[in-house]
Amino acid sequence: MRLTCPLCGDRDRREFYYLGHETWLDRPAADAPPEAWDAYLHLRDNPCGPTRDLWQHEAGCGAWLVVSRDTATHEIASVELAR
């Protein structure tokens, strides 16, 4: 799989660090109950089809990217800088 970094251009997937599904960023508050933290850490969706994920160009410019891709076909729809 290849990703096109908006800053560096077309690169191999191995240059990037996969953080997870975009909704993974919804971190519970520090005082949230243990059940909320358990769900945040251990209960993740594994979607088949279109998804938006957060990646870092770790072996390149270091930018954080939102990658829209299809998990079934590995087709990349778009790559944009995370805001």
N, C-alpha and C. Protein backbone atom coordinates (compact mmCIF):
# COMPACT_ATOMS: atom_id res chain seq x y z
N MET A 1 0.86 -1.18 0.00
CA MET A 1 0.00 0.00 0.00
C MET A 1 0.90 1.23 0.00
N ARG A 2 0.49 2.24 -0.75
CA ARG A 2 1.23 3.49 -0.83
C ARG A 2 0.33 4.64 -0.40
N LEU A 3 0.91 5.59 0.30
CA LEU A 3 0.19 6.79 0.73
C LEU A 3 0.87 8.00 0.12
N THR A 4 0.08 8.99 -0.25
CA THR A 4 0.63 10.22 -0.79
C THR A 4 0.57 11.30 0.29
N CYS A 5 1.72 11.56 0.89
CA CYS A 5 1.82 12.61 1.91
C CYS A 5 1.65 13.95 1.21
N PRO A 6 0.78 14.83 1.72
CA PRO A 6 0.59 16.14 1.09
C PRO A 6 1.88 16.98 1.06
N LEU A 7 2.84 16.66 1.93
CA LEU A 7 4.08 17.43 1.99
C LEU A 7 5.25 16.76 1.26
N CYS A 8 5.26 15.42 1.23
CA CYS A 8 6.41 14.68 0.70
C CYS A 8 6.13 13.91 -0.59
N GLY A 9 4.86 13.72 -0.92
CA GLY A 9 4.52 12.96 -2.12
C GLY A 9 4.28 11.49 -1.84
N ASP A 10 4.31 10.69 -2.91
CA ASP A 10 4.00 9.27 -2.85
C ASP A 10 5.06 8.50 -2.07
N ARG A 11 4.62 7.72 -1.06
CA ARG A 11 5.55 6.98 -0.20
C ARG A 11 4.99 5.59 0.11
N ASP A 12 5.88 4.68 0.48
CA ASP A 12 5.48 3.34 0.91
C ASP A 12 4.84 3.41 2.29
N ARG A 13 3.89 2.54 2.54
CA ARG A 13 3.17 2.52 3.81
C ARG A 13 4.10 2.34 5.01
N ARG A 14 5.21 1.69 4.81
CA ARG A 14 6.13 1.42 5.93
C ARG A 14 6.77 2.69 6.49
N GLU A 15 6.64 3.83 5.81
CA GLU A 15 7.16 5.09 6.34
C GLU A 15 6.19 5.71 7.36
N PHE A 16 4.99 5.15 7.47
CA PHE A 16 3.94 5.76 8.28
C PHE A 16 3.62 4.92 9.51
N TYR A 17 3.20 5.60 10.56
CA TYR A 17 2.75 4.96 11.79
C TYR A 17 1.23 5.08 11.85
N TYR A 18 0.55 3.95 11.99
CA TYR A 18 -0.92 3.92 12.04
C TYR A 18 -1.37 4.11 13.48
N LEU A 19 -2.11 5.17 13.77
CA LEU A 19 -2.61 5.40 15.12
C LEU A 19 -3.94 4.72 15.33
N GLY A 20 -4.82 4.78 14.36
CA GLY A 20 -6.11 4.11 14.50
C GLY A 20 -7.23 4.86 13.82
N HIS A 21 -8.41 4.31 14.03
CA HIS A 21 -9.63 4.88 13.46
C HIS A 21 -9.82 6.30 13.97
N GLU A 22 -10.28 7.18 13.11
CA GLU A 22 -10.42 8.61 13.43
C GLU A 22 -11.21 8.84 14.72
N THR A 23 -12.24 8.05 14.97
CA THR A 23 -13.05 8.25 16.18
C THR A 23 -12.31 7.85 17.44
N TRP A 24 -11.15 7.18 17.28
CA TRP A 24 -10.34 6.78 18.42
C TRP A 24 -9.87 8.00 19.21
N LEU A 25 -9.94 9.16 18.60
CA LEU A 25 -9.48 10.38 19.26
C LEU A 25 -10.41 10.86 20.35
N ASP A 26 -11.58 10.26 20.48
CA ASP A 26 -12.56 10.67 21.49
C ASP A 26 -12.17 10.10 22.86
N ARG A 27 -11.13 10.64 23.45
CA ARG A 27 -10.59 10.17 24.71
C ARG A 27 -11.52 10.56 25.87
N PRO A 28 -11.78 9.64 26.79
CA PRO A 28 -12.61 9.97 27.95
C PRO A 28 -11.93 11.01 28.84
N ALA A 29 -12.72 11.69 29.62
CA ALA A 29 -12.19 12.66 30.59
C ALA A 29 -11.36 11.92 31.64
N ALA A 30 -10.43 12.62 32.25
CA ALA A 30 -9.55 12.00 33.25
C ALA A 30 -10.33 11.37 34.40
N ASP A 31 -11.48 11.96 34.72
CA ASP A 31 -12.27 11.43 35.84
C ASP A 31 -13.40 10.51 35.38
N ALA A 32 -13.33 10.03 34.14
CA ALA A 32 -14.36 9.12 33.62
C ALA A 32 -14.32 7.80 34.39
N PRO A 33 -15.45 7.11 34.46
CA PRO A 33 -15.48 5.83 35.18
C PRO A 33 -14.62 4.78 34.48
N PRO A 34 -14.19 3.76 35.20
CA PRO A 34 -13.34 2.72 34.62
C PRO A 34 -13.95 2.06 33.38
N GLU A 35 -15.28 1.94 33.32
CA GLU A 35 -15.93 1.33 32.16
C GLU A 35 -15.66 2.13 30.88
N ALA A 36 -15.63 3.45 31.00
CA ALA A 36 -15.37 4.31 29.83
C ALA A 36 -13.92 4.11 29.35
N TRP A 37 -12.99 4.01 30.30
CA TRP A 37 -11.59 3.80 29.92
C TRP A 37 -11.38 2.40 29.34
N ASP A 38 -12.08 1.40 29.88
CA ASP A 38 -12.00 0.05 29.34
C ASP A 38 -12.48 0.02 27.90
N ALA A 39 -13.59 0.66 27.62
CA ALA A 39 -14.13 0.69 26.26
C ALA A 39 -13.17 1.44 25.33
N TYR A 40 -12.60 2.53 25.81
CA TYR A 40 -11.67 3.34 25.00
C TYR A 40 -10.42 2.54 24.63
N LEU A 41 -9.90 1.77 25.57
CA LEU A 41 -8.66 1.05 25.36
C LEU A 41 -8.82 -0.29 24.64
N HIS A 42 -9.96 -0.96 24.86
CA HIS A 42 -10.07 -2.35 24.41
C HIS A 42 -11.18 -2.64 23.41
N LEU A 43 -12.19 -1.83 23.32
CA LEU A 43 -13.32 -2.13 22.46
C LEU A 43 -13.27 -1.25 21.22
N ARG A 44 -12.67 -1.76 20.17
CA ARG A 44 -12.53 -1.00 18.94
C ARG A 44 -13.31 -1.67 17.82
N ASP A 45 -13.87 -0.86 16.95
CA ASP A 45 -14.51 -1.38 15.75
C ASP A 45 -13.43 -1.83 14.77
N ASN A 46 -13.73 -2.83 13.99
CA ASN A 46 -12.85 -3.28 12.93
C ASN A 46 -13.68 -3.26 11.64
N PRO A 47 -13.91 -2.06 11.09
CA PRO A 47 -14.84 -1.93 9.97
C PRO A 47 -14.30 -2.55 8.68
N CYS A 48 -15.22 -3.06 7.90
CA CYS A 48 -14.89 -3.54 6.56
C CYS A 48 -15.52 -2.56 5.59
N GLY A 49 -14.68 -1.88 4.82
CA GLY A 49 -15.18 -0.88 3.89
C GLY A 49 -14.55 0.47 4.15
N PRO A 50 -15.22 1.55 3.74
CA PRO A 50 -14.65 2.90 3.89
C PRO A 50 -14.42 3.28 5.35
N THR A 51 -13.28 3.90 5.61
CA THR A 51 -12.94 4.34 6.95
C THR A 51 -12.03 5.56 6.86
N ARG A 52 -11.91 6.30 7.96
CA ARG A 52 -10.97 7.41 8.07
C ARG A 52 -10.06 7.11 9.25
N ASP A 53 -8.75 7.13 9.00
CA ASP A 53 -7.77 6.76 10.01
C ASP A 53 -6.74 7.86 10.20
N LEU A 54 -6.13 7.87 11.36
CA LEU A 54 -5.07 8.82 11.67
C LEU A 54 -3.72 8.11 11.52
N TRP A 55 -2.84 8.68 10.71
CA TRP A 55 -1.51 8.15 10.46
C TRP A 55 -0.48 9.26 10.68
N GLN A 56 0.74 8.89 11.04
CA GLN A 56 1.83 9.86 11.12
C GLN A 56 2.91 9.46 10.12
N HIS A 57 3.44 10.44 9.38
CA HIS A 57 4.54 10.17 8.46
C HIS A 57 5.82 10.14 9.28
N GLU A 58 5.97 9.07 10.02
CA GLU A 58 7.03 8.91 11.01
C GLU A 58 8.43 8.93 10.40
N ALA A 59 8.62 8.26 9.28
CA ALA A 59 9.95 8.19 8.66
C ALA A 59 10.12 9.27 7.58
N GLY A 60 9.31 10.31 7.67
CA GLY A 60 9.39 11.40 6.71
C GLY A 60 9.32 12.73 7.42
N CYS A 61 8.31 13.52 7.05
CA CYS A 61 8.18 14.88 7.58
C CYS A 61 7.59 14.95 8.98
N GLY A 62 7.02 13.85 9.47
CA GLY A 62 6.44 13.83 10.81
C GLY A 62 5.01 14.33 10.88
N ALA A 63 4.43 14.70 9.75
CA ALA A 63 3.07 15.24 9.74
C ALA A 63 2.05 14.17 10.12
N TRP A 64 0.97 14.62 10.79
CA TRP A 64 -0.16 13.76 11.09
C TRP A 64 -1.17 13.90 9.97
N LEU A 65 -1.68 12.76 9.50
CA LEU A 65 -2.55 12.73 8.33
C LEU A 65 -3.84 11.98 8.61
N VAL A 66 -4.92 12.42 7.99
CA VAL A 66 -6.17 11.68 8.00
C VAL A 66 -6.27 10.98 6.64
N VAL A 67 -6.32 9.66 6.67
CA VAL A 67 -6.35 8.85 5.46
C VAL A 67 -7.74 8.23 5.31
N SER A 68 -8.40 8.54 4.22
CA SER A 68 -9.68 7.91 3.89
C SER A 68 -9.37 6.74 2.97
N ARG A 69 -9.75 5.53 3.42
CA ARG A 69 -9.41 4.34 2.65
C ARG A 69 -10.48 3.28 2.81
N ASP A 70 -10.41 2.28 1.96
CA ASP A 70 -11.33 1.15 2.02
C ASP A 70 -10.55 -0.03 2.58
N THR A 71 -10.95 -0.54 3.73
CA THR A 71 -10.21 -1.62 4.37
C THR A 71 -10.35 -2.95 3.63
N ALA A 72 -11.35 -3.08 2.79
CA ALA A 72 -11.54 -4.32 2.03
C ALA A 72 -10.67 -4.37 0.78
N THR A 73 -10.51 -3.22 0.11
CA THR A 73 -9.76 -3.19 -1.15
C THR A 73 -8.40 -2.50 -1.02
N HIS A 74 -8.15 -1.83 0.09
CA HIS A 74 -6.93 -1.04 0.33
C HIS A 74 -6.82 0.17 -0.58
N GLU A 75 -7.92 0.55 -1.23
CA GLU A 75 -7.92 1.74 -2.08
C GLU A 75 -7.89 2.98 -1.20
N ILE A 76 -6.99 3.92 -1.52
CA ILE A 76 -6.87 5.18 -0.79
C ILE A 76 -7.72 6.22 -1.53
N ALA A 77 -8.70 6.78 -0.84
CA ALA A 77 -9.57 7.79 -1.44
C ALA A 77 -8.94 9.19 -1.31
N SER A 78 -8.37 9.48 -0.14
CA SER A 78 -7.74 10.79 0.06
C SER A 78 -6.80 10.74 1.25
N VAL A 79 -5.84 11.67 1.24
CA VAL A 79 -4.91 11.87 2.36
C VAL A 79 -4.85 13.36 2.59
N GLU A 80 -5.12 13.79 3.81
CA GLU A 80 -5.09 15.22 4.12
C GLU A 80 -4.40 15.45 5.44
N LEU A 81 -3.86 16.64 5.62
CA LEU A 81 -3.23 16.99 6.89
C LEU A 81 -4.27 17.02 7.99
N ALA A 82 -3.94 16.45 9.15
CA ALA A 82 -4.84 16.48 10.30
C ALA A 82 -4.84 17.89 10.87
N ARG A 83 -5.97 18.31 11.38
CA ARG A 83 -6.08 19.67 11.93
C ARG A 83 -6.25 19.61 13.41
